[in-house]
Amino acid sequence: MAKFRHPSLTIRKIMKRVEFKNESIVMNLLKKGFKVEGRLWLEETEDGEFIIWFDRYNRKPQPKQHNLLIRRLEHGWVKESVERIKVYESIPKDIGTPKVLAVIDRETKEAKDALIDRELDLLEFC
């Protein structure tokens, strides 16, 4: 592992002081076991002392858009997200291949019917 060496620095001078911006927030996050991402840099003061500064990134979490359940199927569901219609099926293997194929056909038809029903509910009749 490479070590940082500045010609005018010794280890004793570097280890004198570490400053945190938003110290209470950073320390609380560290105590809770979170990783804290941020910027770390070295600064020289007017009296020749070196300070290690740490400033955490102030990122805002992205709000998660939840999928809207359109219909629950026997072995899955039909959901709507902002950009997609999602159909999920999970069929047990032990029922045999012919029955699995029949279940796939039946649930695909149910999913289609659910989408048609949803569109009809959204339409306004005179």
C-alpha atoms as a PDB file:
ATOM      1  CA  MET A   1       0.000   0.000   0.000  1.00  0.00           C
ATOM      2  CA  ALA A   2       1.478   3.359  -1.024  1.00  0.00           C
ATOM      3  CA  LYS A   3       1.939   5.977   1.676  1.00  0.00           C
ATOM      4  CA  PHE A   4       1.409   9.701   1.179  1.00  0.00           C
ATOM      5  CA  ARG A   5       4.586  11.658   1.860  1.00  0.00           C
ATOM      6  CA  HIS A   6       4.828  15.415   1.701  1.00  0.00           C
ATOM      7  CA  PRO A   7       8.376  16.795   1.990  1.00  0.00           C
ATOM      8  CA  SER A   8       7.526  19.084   4.907  1.00  0.00           C
ATOM      9  CA  LEU A   9       5.378  16.590   6.874  1.00  0.00           C
ATOM     10  CA  THR A  10       6.208  14.102   9.542  1.00  0.00           C
ATOM     11  CA  ILE A  11       3.826  11.641  11.156  1.00  0.00           C
ATOM     12  CA  ARG A  12       3.820  13.614  14.417  1.00  0.00           C
ATOM     13  CA  LYS A  13       2.589  16.762  12.697  1.00  0.00           C
ATOM     14  CA  ILE A  14      -0.222  14.996  10.812  1.00  0.00           C
ATOM     15  CA  MET A  15      -1.684  13.265  13.862  1.00  0.00           C
ATOM     16  CA  LYS A  16      -2.232  16.471  15.861  1.00  0.00           C
ATOM     17  CA  ARG A  17      -5.796  17.363  14.879  1.00  0.00           C
ATOM     18  CA  VAL A  18      -8.675  15.964  12.827  1.00  0.00           C
ATOM     19  CA  GLU A  19     -11.620  18.296  12.161  1.00  0.00           C
ATOM     20  CA  PHE A  20     -15.088  17.190  11.047  1.00  0.00           C
ATOM     21  CA  LYS A  21     -17.690  19.372   9.424  1.00  0.00           C
ATOM     22  CA  ASN A  22     -21.131  18.378  10.830  1.00  0.00           C
ATOM     23  CA  GLU A  23     -19.303  16.483  13.581  1.00  0.00           C
ATOM     24  CA  SER A  24     -22.371  15.428  15.572  1.00  0.00           C
ATOM     25  CA  ILE A  25     -24.161  14.037  12.503  1.00  0.00           C
ATOM     26  CA  VAL A  26     -21.057  12.141  11.308  1.00  0.00           C
ATOM     27  CA  MET A  27     -20.323  10.694  14.752  1.00  0.00           C
ATOM     28  CA  ASN A  28     -23.954   9.599  15.276  1.00  0.00           C
ATOM     29  CA  LEU A  29     -23.950   7.805  11.918  1.00  0.00           C
ATOM     30  CA  LEU A  30     -20.636   6.083  12.738  1.00  0.00           C
ATOM     31  CA  LYS A  31     -21.917   4.993  16.182  1.00  0.00           C
ATOM     32  CA  LYS A  32     -24.983   3.435  14.532  1.00  0.00           C
ATOM     33  CA  GLY A  33     -22.696   1.389  12.261  1.00  0.00           C
ATOM     34  CA  PHE A  34     -23.292   3.275   9.016  1.00  0.00           C
ATOM     35  CA  LYS A  35     -20.576   4.014   6.489  1.00  0.00           C
ATOM     36  CA  VAL A  36     -20.064   7.725   5.916  1.00  0.00           C
ATOM     37  CA  GLU A  37     -18.983   8.847   2.464  1.00  0.00           C
ATOM     38  CA  GLY A  38     -17.340  12.193   2.012  1.00  0.00           C
ATOM     39  CA  ARG A  39     -14.274  14.239   1.137  1.00  0.00           C
ATOM     40  CA  LEU A  40     -11.007  14.033   3.086  1.00  0.00           C
ATOM     41  CA  TRP A  41      -8.229  16.600   2.622  1.00  0.00           C
ATOM     42  CA  LEU A  42      -5.172  18.032   4.299  1.00  0.00           C
ATOM     43  CA  GLU A  43      -4.887  21.729   5.113  1.00  0.00           C
ATOM     44  CA  GLU A  44      -2.029  23.777   6.552  1.00  0.00           C
ATOM     45  CA  THR A  45      -2.890  26.477   9.102  1.00  0.00           C
ATOM     46  CA  GLU A  46      -1.144  29.851   9.487  1.00  0.00           C
ATOM     47  CA  ASP A  47       1.030  28.574  12.346  1.00  0.00           C
ATOM     48  CA  GLY A  48       2.362  25.674  10.217  1.00  0.00           C
ATOM     49  CA  GLU A  49       0.132  23.009  11.756  1.00  0.00           C
ATOM     50  CA  PHE A  50      -1.602  20.506   9.510  1.00  0.00           C
ATOM     51  CA  ILE A  51      -5.268  19.594   9.892  1.00  0.00           C
ATOM     52  CA  ILE A  52      -7.068  16.645   8.310  1.00  0.00           C
ATOM     53  CA  TRP A  53     -10.562  17.747   7.288  1.00  0.00           C
ATOM     54  CA  PHE A  54     -13.517  15.447   6.600  1.00  0.00           C
ATOM     55  CA  ASP A  55     -16.766  16.677   5.050  1.00  0.00           C
ATOM     56  CA  ARG A  56     -19.538  14.138   4.433  1.00  0.00           C
ATOM     57  CA  TYR A  57     -21.552  14.125   1.213  1.00  0.00           C
ATOM     58  CA  ASN A  58     -25.026  15.511   1.761  1.00  0.00           C
ATOM     59  CA  ARG A  59     -26.948  13.172  -0.538  1.00  0.00           C
ATOM     60  CA  LYS A  60     -30.701  13.048  -0.470  1.00  0.00           C
ATOM     61  CA  PRO A  61     -32.324   9.606  -0.749  1.00  0.00           C
ATOM     62  CA  GLN A  62     -34.376   9.032  -3.868  1.00  0.00           C
ATOM     63  CA  PRO A  63     -38.029   8.352  -3.064  1.00  0.00           C
ATOM     64  CA  LYS A  64     -39.021   4.859  -4.174  1.00  0.00           C
ATOM     65  CA  GLN A  65     -42.105   4.587  -6.325  1.00  0.00           C
ATOM     66  CA  HIS A  66     -44.146   1.594  -5.240  1.00  0.00           C
ATOM     67  CA  ASN A  67     -45.898  -0.562  -7.790  1.00  0.00           C
ATOM     68  CA  LEU A  68     -49.689  -0.513  -7.825  1.00  0.00           C
ATOM     69  CA  LEU A  69     -51.233  -3.970  -7.515  1.00  0.00           C
ATOM     70  CA  ILE A  70     -53.813  -4.439 -10.259  1.00  0.00           C
ATOM     71  CA  ARG A  71     -54.812  -8.032  -9.492  1.00  0.00           C
ATOM     72  CA  ARG A  72     -53.565 -10.894  -7.357  1.00  0.00           C
ATOM     73  CA  LEU A  73     -53.383 -14.171  -9.291  1.00  0.00           C
ATOM     74  CA  GLU A  74     -53.413 -17.722  -7.927  1.00  0.00           C
ATOM     75  CA  HIS A  75     -49.664 -18.135  -8.474  1.00  0.00           C
ATOM     76  CA  GLY A  76     -48.532 -14.496  -8.841  1.00  0.00           C
ATOM     77  CA  TRP A  77     -49.680 -10.932  -9.483  1.00  0.00           C
ATOM     78  CA  VAL A  78     -50.171  -8.131 -12.037  1.00  0.00           C
ATOM     79  CA  LYS A  79     -48.693  -4.754 -11.041  1.00  0.00           C
ATOM     80  CA  GLU A  80     -48.326  -1.355 -12.660  1.00  0.00           C
ATOM     81  CA  SER A  81     -45.247   0.838 -12.236  1.00  0.00           C
ATOM     82  CA  VAL A  82     -44.589   4.261 -13.728  1.00  0.00           C
ATOM     83  CA  GLU A  83     -43.206   2.820 -16.973  1.00  0.00           C
ATOM     84  CA  ARG A  84     -44.240  -0.855 -17.075  1.00  0.00           C
ATOM     85  CA  ILE A  85     -46.956  -3.423 -16.538  1.00  0.00           C
ATOM     86  CA  LYS A  86     -45.448  -6.338 -14.575  1.00  0.00           C
ATOM     87  CA  VAL A  87     -46.814  -9.885 -14.558  1.00  0.00           C
ATOM     88  CA  TYR A  88     -45.248 -12.423 -12.184  1.00  0.00           C
ATOM     89  CA  GLU A  89     -45.970 -16.128 -11.935  1.00  0.00           C
ATOM     90  CA  SER A  90     -44.359 -18.757  -9.715  1.00  0.00           C
ATOM     91  CA  ILE A  91     -45.720 -22.235 -10.290  1.00  0.00           C
ATOM     92  CA  PRO A  92     -44.602 -25.327  -8.331  1.00  0.00           C
ATOM     93  CA  LYS A  93     -42.844 -28.002 -10.413  1.00  0.00           C
ATOM     94  CA  ASP A  94     -44.496 -30.959  -8.716  1.00  0.00           C
ATOM     95  CA  ILE A  95     -47.840 -30.488 -10.494  1.00  0.00           C
ATOM     96  CA  GLY A  96     -46.367 -31.699 -13.814  1.00  0.00           C
ATOM     97  CA  THR A  97     -45.661 -30.081 -17.162  1.00  0.00           C
ATOM     98  CA  PRO A  98     -49.165 -30.323 -18.694  1.00  0.00           C
ATOM     99  CA  LYS A  99     -50.751 -28.670 -15.651  1.00  0.00           C
ATOM    100  CA  VAL A 100     -47.991 -26.010 -15.555  1.00  0.00           C
ATOM    101  CA  LEU A 101     -48.762 -25.130 -19.192  1.00  0.00           C
ATOM    102  CA  ALA A 102     -52.491 -24.966 -18.398  1.00  0.00           C
ATOM    103  CA  VAL A 103     -51.838 -22.715 -15.389  1.00  0.00           C
ATOM    104  CA  ILE A 104     -49.643 -20.400 -17.510  1.00  0.00           C
ATOM    105  CA  ASP A 105     -52.405 -20.087 -20.119  1.00  0.00           C
ATOM    106  CA  ARG A 106     -55.131 -19.521 -17.508  1.00  0.00           C
ATOM    107  CA  GLU A 107     -53.156 -16.910 -15.549  1.00  0.00           C
ATOM    108  CA  THR A 108     -52.079 -15.094 -18.703  1.00  0.00           C
ATOM    109  CA  LYS A 109     -55.756 -14.824 -19.650  1.00  0.00           C
ATOM    110  CA  GLU A 110     -56.557 -13.567 -16.122  1.00  0.00           C
ATOM    111  CA  ALA A 111     -53.806 -10.956 -16.395  1.00  0.00           C
ATOM    112  CA  LYS A 112     -55.190  -9.780 -19.754  1.00  0.00           C
ATOM    113  CA  ASP A 113     -58.697  -9.586 -18.287  1.00  0.00           C
ATOM    114  CA  ALA A 114     -57.389  -7.580 -15.340  1.00  0.00           C
ATOM    115  CA  LEU A 115     -55.793  -5.045 -17.686  1.00  0.00           C
ATOM    116  CA  ILE A 116     -58.985  -4.775 -19.737  1.00  0.00           C
ATOM    117  CA  ASP A 117     -61.051  -4.261 -16.552  1.00  0.00           C
ATOM    118  CA  ARG A 118     -58.650  -1.567 -15.368  1.00  0.00           C
ATOM    119  CA  GLU A 119     -58.927   0.292 -18.692  1.00  0.00           C
ATOM    120  CA  LEU A 120     -62.718   0.082 -18.615  1.00  0.00           C
ATOM    121  CA  ASP A 121     -62.743   1.455 -15.061  1.00  0.00           C
ATOM    122  CA  LEU A 122     -60.597   4.400 -16.171  1.00  0.00           C
ATOM    123  CA  LEU A 123     -62.927   5.294 -19.063  1.00  0.00           C
ATOM    124  CA  GLU A 124     -65.766   7.696 -18.369  1.00  0.00           C
ATOM    125  CA  PHE A 125     -69.054   6.843 -19.986  1.00  0.00           C
ATOM    126  CA  CYS A 126     -71.618   9.501 -20.864  1.00  0.00           C
END
